[in-house]
Amino acid sequence: MKVLFVDDEFIEFRSLKKKIADLPEPRVDVEYSQSIGDALDKVKAARFDLILLDNRLLPNADFRETVPELRGIGYTGPIGVISTDISGNYFQEFPEYGVDFRIGKDEIDVQTLQHILREYVTYDVPDFWKDDYSA
């Protein structure tokens, strides 16, 4: 599984990468982009199963500008907007801009990542999860 993490602060990427390393399954490769321009180039060049996108990337204002750019180049996979503060009223508009979910940076842990992958990314179910899905 391939995830693109877009954030202008590299320390956030390092933090996410450590949390993803703690996932028992699936194997997740994470790539980093520091800007929307770099992210657009990477999405054009490779397939990503999920994009985690910081709400504010300079020079863009917020996800209302960056997500349409990603959708505009043909990315149809899930996009999650992450932010230190998701309480702003404009976050209620996220579906209108092609965002699948939003989450606070402080809420991201191993269990949350596993839930996001189960909920939004299609892949083979790991063997130890199969009991959860059998009738």
C-alpha atoms as a PDB file:
ATOM      1  CA  MET A   1       0.000   0.000   0.000  1.00  0.00           C
ATOM      2  CA  LYS A   2       1.304   3.423  -0.920  1.00  0.00           C
ATOM      3  CA  VAL A   3       0.453   6.634   0.963  1.00  0.00           C
ATOM      4  CA  LEU A   4       1.445  10.189   0.071  1.00  0.00           C
ATOM      5  CA  PHE A   5       1.832  12.510   3.050  1.00  0.00           C
ATOM      6  CA  VAL A   6       1.774  16.204   2.151  1.00  0.00           C
ATOM      7  CA  ASP A   7       2.826  18.652   4.862  1.00  0.00           C
ATOM      8  CA  ASP A   8       5.158  21.633   4.882  1.00  0.00           C
ATOM      9  CA  GLU A   9       6.703  20.463   8.166  1.00  0.00           C
ATOM     10  CA  PHE A  10       9.056  17.492   7.798  1.00  0.00           C
ATOM     11  CA  ILE A  11       8.807  16.691  11.523  1.00  0.00           C
ATOM     12  CA  GLU A  12       5.136  15.761  10.976  1.00  0.00           C
ATOM     13  CA  PHE A  13       6.204  13.242   8.327  1.00  0.00           C
ATOM     14  CA  ARG A  14       8.764  11.696  10.681  1.00  0.00           C
ATOM     15  CA  SER A  15       6.092  11.356  13.352  1.00  0.00           C
ATOM     16  CA  LEU A  16       3.623   9.709  10.959  1.00  0.00           C
ATOM     17  CA  LYS A  17       6.268   7.363   9.588  1.00  0.00           C
ATOM     18  CA  LYS A  18       7.040   6.090  13.113  1.00  0.00           C
ATOM     19  CA  LYS A  19       3.348   5.429  13.761  1.00  0.00           C
ATOM     20  CA  ILE A  20       2.924   3.611  10.455  1.00  0.00           C
ATOM     21  CA  ALA A  21       5.965   1.457  11.263  1.00  0.00           C
ATOM     22  CA  ASP A  22       4.024   0.177  14.297  1.00  0.00           C
ATOM     23  CA  LEU A  23       1.161  -1.128  12.135  1.00  0.00           C
ATOM     24  CA  PRO A  24       1.151  -4.947  12.151  1.00  0.00           C
ATOM     25  CA  GLU A  25      -0.416  -5.063   8.669  1.00  0.00           C
ATOM     26  CA  PRO A  26      -0.688  -4.012   5.910  1.00  0.00           C
ATOM     27  CA  ARG A  27       2.790  -2.995   4.786  1.00  0.00           C
ATOM     28  CA  VAL A  28       2.584   0.738   4.073  1.00  0.00           C
ATOM     29  CA  ASP A  29       5.101   2.721   2.037  1.00  0.00           C
ATOM     30  CA  VAL A  30       4.891   6.432   2.789  1.00  0.00           C
ATOM     31  CA  GLU A  31       6.216   9.136   0.496  1.00  0.00           C
ATOM     32  CA  TYR A  32       6.592  12.749   1.529  1.00  0.00           C
ATOM     33  CA  SER A  33       5.851  15.985  -0.298  1.00  0.00           C
ATOM     34  CA  GLN A  34       6.517  19.383   1.228  1.00  0.00           C
ATOM     35  CA  SER A  35       4.301  21.302  -1.202  1.00  0.00           C
ATOM     36  CA  ILE A  36       1.213  20.838  -3.331  1.00  0.00           C
ATOM     37  CA  GLY A  37       3.363  21.302  -6.444  1.00  0.00           C
ATOM     38  CA  ASP A  38       5.607  18.408  -5.457  1.00  0.00           C
ATOM     39  CA  ALA A  39       2.551  16.319  -4.536  1.00  0.00           C
ATOM     40  CA  LEU A  40       0.989  16.942  -7.946  1.00  0.00           C
ATOM     41  CA  ASP A  41       4.201  15.781  -9.641  1.00  0.00           C
ATOM     42  CA  LYS A  42       4.307  12.605  -7.536  1.00  0.00           C
ATOM     43  CA  VAL A  43       0.633  11.798  -8.170  1.00  0.00           C
ATOM     44  CA  LYS A  44       1.170  12.201 -11.915  1.00  0.00           C
ATOM     45  CA  ALA A  45       4.170   9.856 -11.783  1.00  0.00           C
ATOM     46  CA  ALA A  46       2.941   7.098  -9.451  1.00  0.00           C
ATOM     47  CA  ARG A  47      -0.183   5.474  -8.019  1.00  0.00           C
ATOM     48  CA  PHE A  48      -1.111   6.236  -4.410  1.00  0.00           C
ATOM     49  CA  ASP A  49      -3.776   4.407  -2.408  1.00  0.00           C
ATOM     50  CA  LEU A  50      -4.309   7.315  -0.005  1.00  0.00           C
ATOM     51  CA  ILE A  51      -3.263  10.946   0.349  1.00  0.00           C
ATOM     52  CA  LEU A  52      -2.978  12.589   3.766  1.00  0.00           C
ATOM     53  CA  LEU A  53      -2.891  16.333   3.175  1.00  0.00           C
ATOM     54  CA  ASP A  54      -2.084  19.104   5.630  1.00  0.00           C
ATOM     55  CA  ASN A  55      -4.856  21.682   5.659  1.00  0.00           C
ATOM     56  CA  ARG A  56      -2.578  24.686   5.149  1.00  0.00           C
ATOM     57  CA  LEU A  57       0.224  24.595   2.609  1.00  0.00           C
ATOM     58  CA  LEU A  58       1.837  27.825   1.517  1.00  0.00           C
ATOM     59  CA  PRO A  59       1.163  29.580  -0.818  1.00  0.00           C
ATOM     60  CA  ASN A  60      -2.318  27.996  -0.905  1.00  0.00           C
ATOM     61  CA  ALA A  61      -4.896  29.001   1.673  1.00  0.00           C
ATOM     62  CA  ASP A  62      -6.277  25.595   2.671  1.00  0.00           C
ATOM     63  CA  PHE A  63      -7.796  22.330   1.430  1.00  0.00           C
ATOM     64  CA  ARG A  64     -10.414  24.248  -0.563  1.00  0.00           C
ATOM     65  CA  GLU A  65      -7.607  25.116  -2.993  1.00  0.00           C
ATOM     66  CA  THR A  66      -5.285  22.104  -2.752  1.00  0.00           C
ATOM     67  CA  VAL A  67      -7.760  19.213  -2.966  1.00  0.00           C
ATOM     68  CA  PRO A  68      -9.371  20.457  -6.214  1.00  0.00           C
ATOM     69  CA  GLU A  69      -5.854  20.601  -7.693  1.00  0.00           C
ATOM     70  CA  LEU A  70      -5.316  16.920  -6.843  1.00  0.00           C
ATOM     71  CA  ARG A  71      -8.744  15.948  -8.165  1.00  0.00           C
ATOM     72  CA  GLY A  72      -8.123  18.093 -11.241  1.00  0.00           C
ATOM     73  CA  ILE A  73      -5.193  15.934 -12.350  1.00  0.00           C
ATOM     74  CA  GLY A  74      -7.316  12.805 -12.077  1.00  0.00           C
ATOM     75  CA  TYR A  75      -6.598  11.471  -8.579  1.00  0.00           C
ATOM     76  CA  THR A  76      -9.708   9.530  -7.538  1.00  0.00           C
ATOM     77  CA  GLY A  77      -8.448   7.796  -4.400  1.00  0.00           C
ATOM     78  CA  PRO A  78      -9.229   8.855  -0.843  1.00  0.00           C
ATOM     79  CA  ILE A  79      -7.907  12.164   0.475  1.00  0.00           C
ATOM     80  CA  GLY A  80      -7.813  12.912   4.182  1.00  0.00           C
ATOM     81  CA  VAL A  81      -7.195  16.447   5.400  1.00  0.00           C
ATOM     82  CA  ILE A  82      -5.150  16.692   8.575  1.00  0.00           C
ATOM     83  CA  SER A  83      -4.773  19.770  10.721  1.00  0.00           C
ATOM     84  CA  THR A  84      -3.815  20.921  14.190  1.00  0.00           C
ATOM     85  CA  ASP A  85      -7.283  22.470  14.461  1.00  0.00           C
ATOM     86  CA  ILE A  86     -10.314  21.063  12.635  1.00  0.00           C
ATOM     87  CA  SER A  87     -12.886  23.140  14.494  1.00  0.00           C
ATOM     88  CA  GLY A  88     -13.279  25.872  11.857  1.00  0.00           C
ATOM     89  CA  ASN A  89     -16.730  26.102  10.255  1.00  0.00           C
ATOM     90  CA  TYR A  90     -15.263  25.721   6.786  1.00  0.00           C
ATOM     91  CA  PHE A  91     -14.286  22.131   7.677  1.00  0.00           C
ATOM     92  CA  GLN A  92     -17.992  21.303   7.397  1.00  0.00           C
ATOM     93  CA  GLU A  93     -17.657  21.953   3.648  1.00  0.00           C
ATOM     94  CA  PHE A  94     -15.018  19.260   3.117  1.00  0.00           C
ATOM     95  CA  PRO A  95     -17.177  16.858   1.030  1.00  0.00           C
ATOM     96  CA  GLU A  96     -17.905  19.635  -1.477  1.00  0.00           C
ATOM     97  CA  TYR A  97     -14.185  19.869  -2.279  1.00  0.00           C
ATOM     98  CA  GLY A  98     -13.525  16.160  -2.781  1.00  0.00           C
ATOM     99  CA  VAL A  99     -12.229  15.405   0.713  1.00  0.00           C
ATOM    100  CA  ASP A 100     -13.100  11.978   2.111  1.00  0.00           C
ATOM    101  CA  PHE A 101     -12.354  12.673   5.773  1.00  0.00           C
ATOM    102  CA  ARG A 102     -10.709  15.151   8.133  1.00  0.00           C
ATOM    103  CA  ILE A 103      -8.736  14.447  11.265  1.00  0.00           C
ATOM    104  CA  GLY A 104      -6.792  16.385  13.876  1.00  0.00           C
ATOM    105  CA  LYS A 105      -3.052  15.740  13.960  1.00  0.00           C
ATOM    106  CA  ASP A 106      -3.333  14.957  17.668  1.00  0.00           C
ATOM    107  CA  GLU A 107      -5.829  12.166  16.887  1.00  0.00           C
ATOM    108  CA  ILE A 108      -3.488  10.186  14.645  1.00  0.00           C
ATOM    109  CA  ASP A 109      -2.239   7.022  16.324  1.00  0.00           C
ATOM    110  CA  VAL A 110      -1.810   3.376  15.278  1.00  0.00           C
ATOM    111  CA  GLN A 111      -5.470   2.473  15.893  1.00  0.00           C
ATOM    112  CA  THR A 112      -6.707   5.499  13.948  1.00  0.00           C
ATOM    113  CA  LEU A 113      -4.390   4.735  11.038  1.00  0.00           C
ATOM    114  CA  GLN A 114      -5.589   1.138  10.977  1.00  0.00           C
ATOM    115  CA  HIS A 115      -9.205   2.345  10.953  1.00  0.00           C
ATOM    116  CA  ILE A 116      -8.518   4.792   8.097  1.00  0.00           C
ATOM    117  CA  LEU A 117      -6.853   2.065   6.036  1.00  0.00           C
ATOM    118  CA  ARG A 118      -9.729  -0.366   6.676  1.00  0.00           C
ATOM    119  CA  GLU A 119     -12.369   2.243   5.910  1.00  0.00           C
ATOM    120  CA  TYR A 120     -10.942   4.079   2.918  1.00  0.00           C
ATOM    121  CA  VAL A 121      -8.392   1.870   1.167  1.00  0.00           C
ATOM    122  CA  THR A 122      -9.220  -1.320  -0.695  1.00  0.00           C
ATOM    123  CA  TYR A 123      -6.684  -4.093  -0.259  1.00  0.00           C
ATOM    124  CA  ASP A 124      -6.557  -7.763   0.722  1.00  0.00           C
ATOM    125  CA  VAL A 125      -7.667  -8.274   4.303  1.00  0.00           C
ATOM    126  CA  PRO A 126      -4.784  -9.532   6.478  1.00  0.00           C
ATOM    127  CA  ASP A 127      -5.229 -13.095   7.735  1.00  0.00           C
ATOM    128  CA  PHE A 128      -5.508 -12.103  11.388  1.00  0.00           C
ATOM    129  CA  TRP A 129      -8.436  -9.757  10.546  1.00  0.00           C
ATOM    130  CA  LYS A 130     -10.420 -12.413   8.644  1.00  0.00           C
ATOM    131  CA  ASP A 131     -12.271 -13.587  11.767  1.00  0.00           C
ATOM    132  CA  ASP A 132     -13.686 -10.063  12.065  1.00  0.00           C
ATOM    133  CA  TYR A 133     -15.203 -10.303   8.578  1.00  0.00           C
ATOM    134  CA  SER A 134     -16.409 -13.904   8.379  1.00  0.00           C
ATOM    135  CA  ALA A 135     -20.030 -14.785   8.960  1.00  0.00           C
END
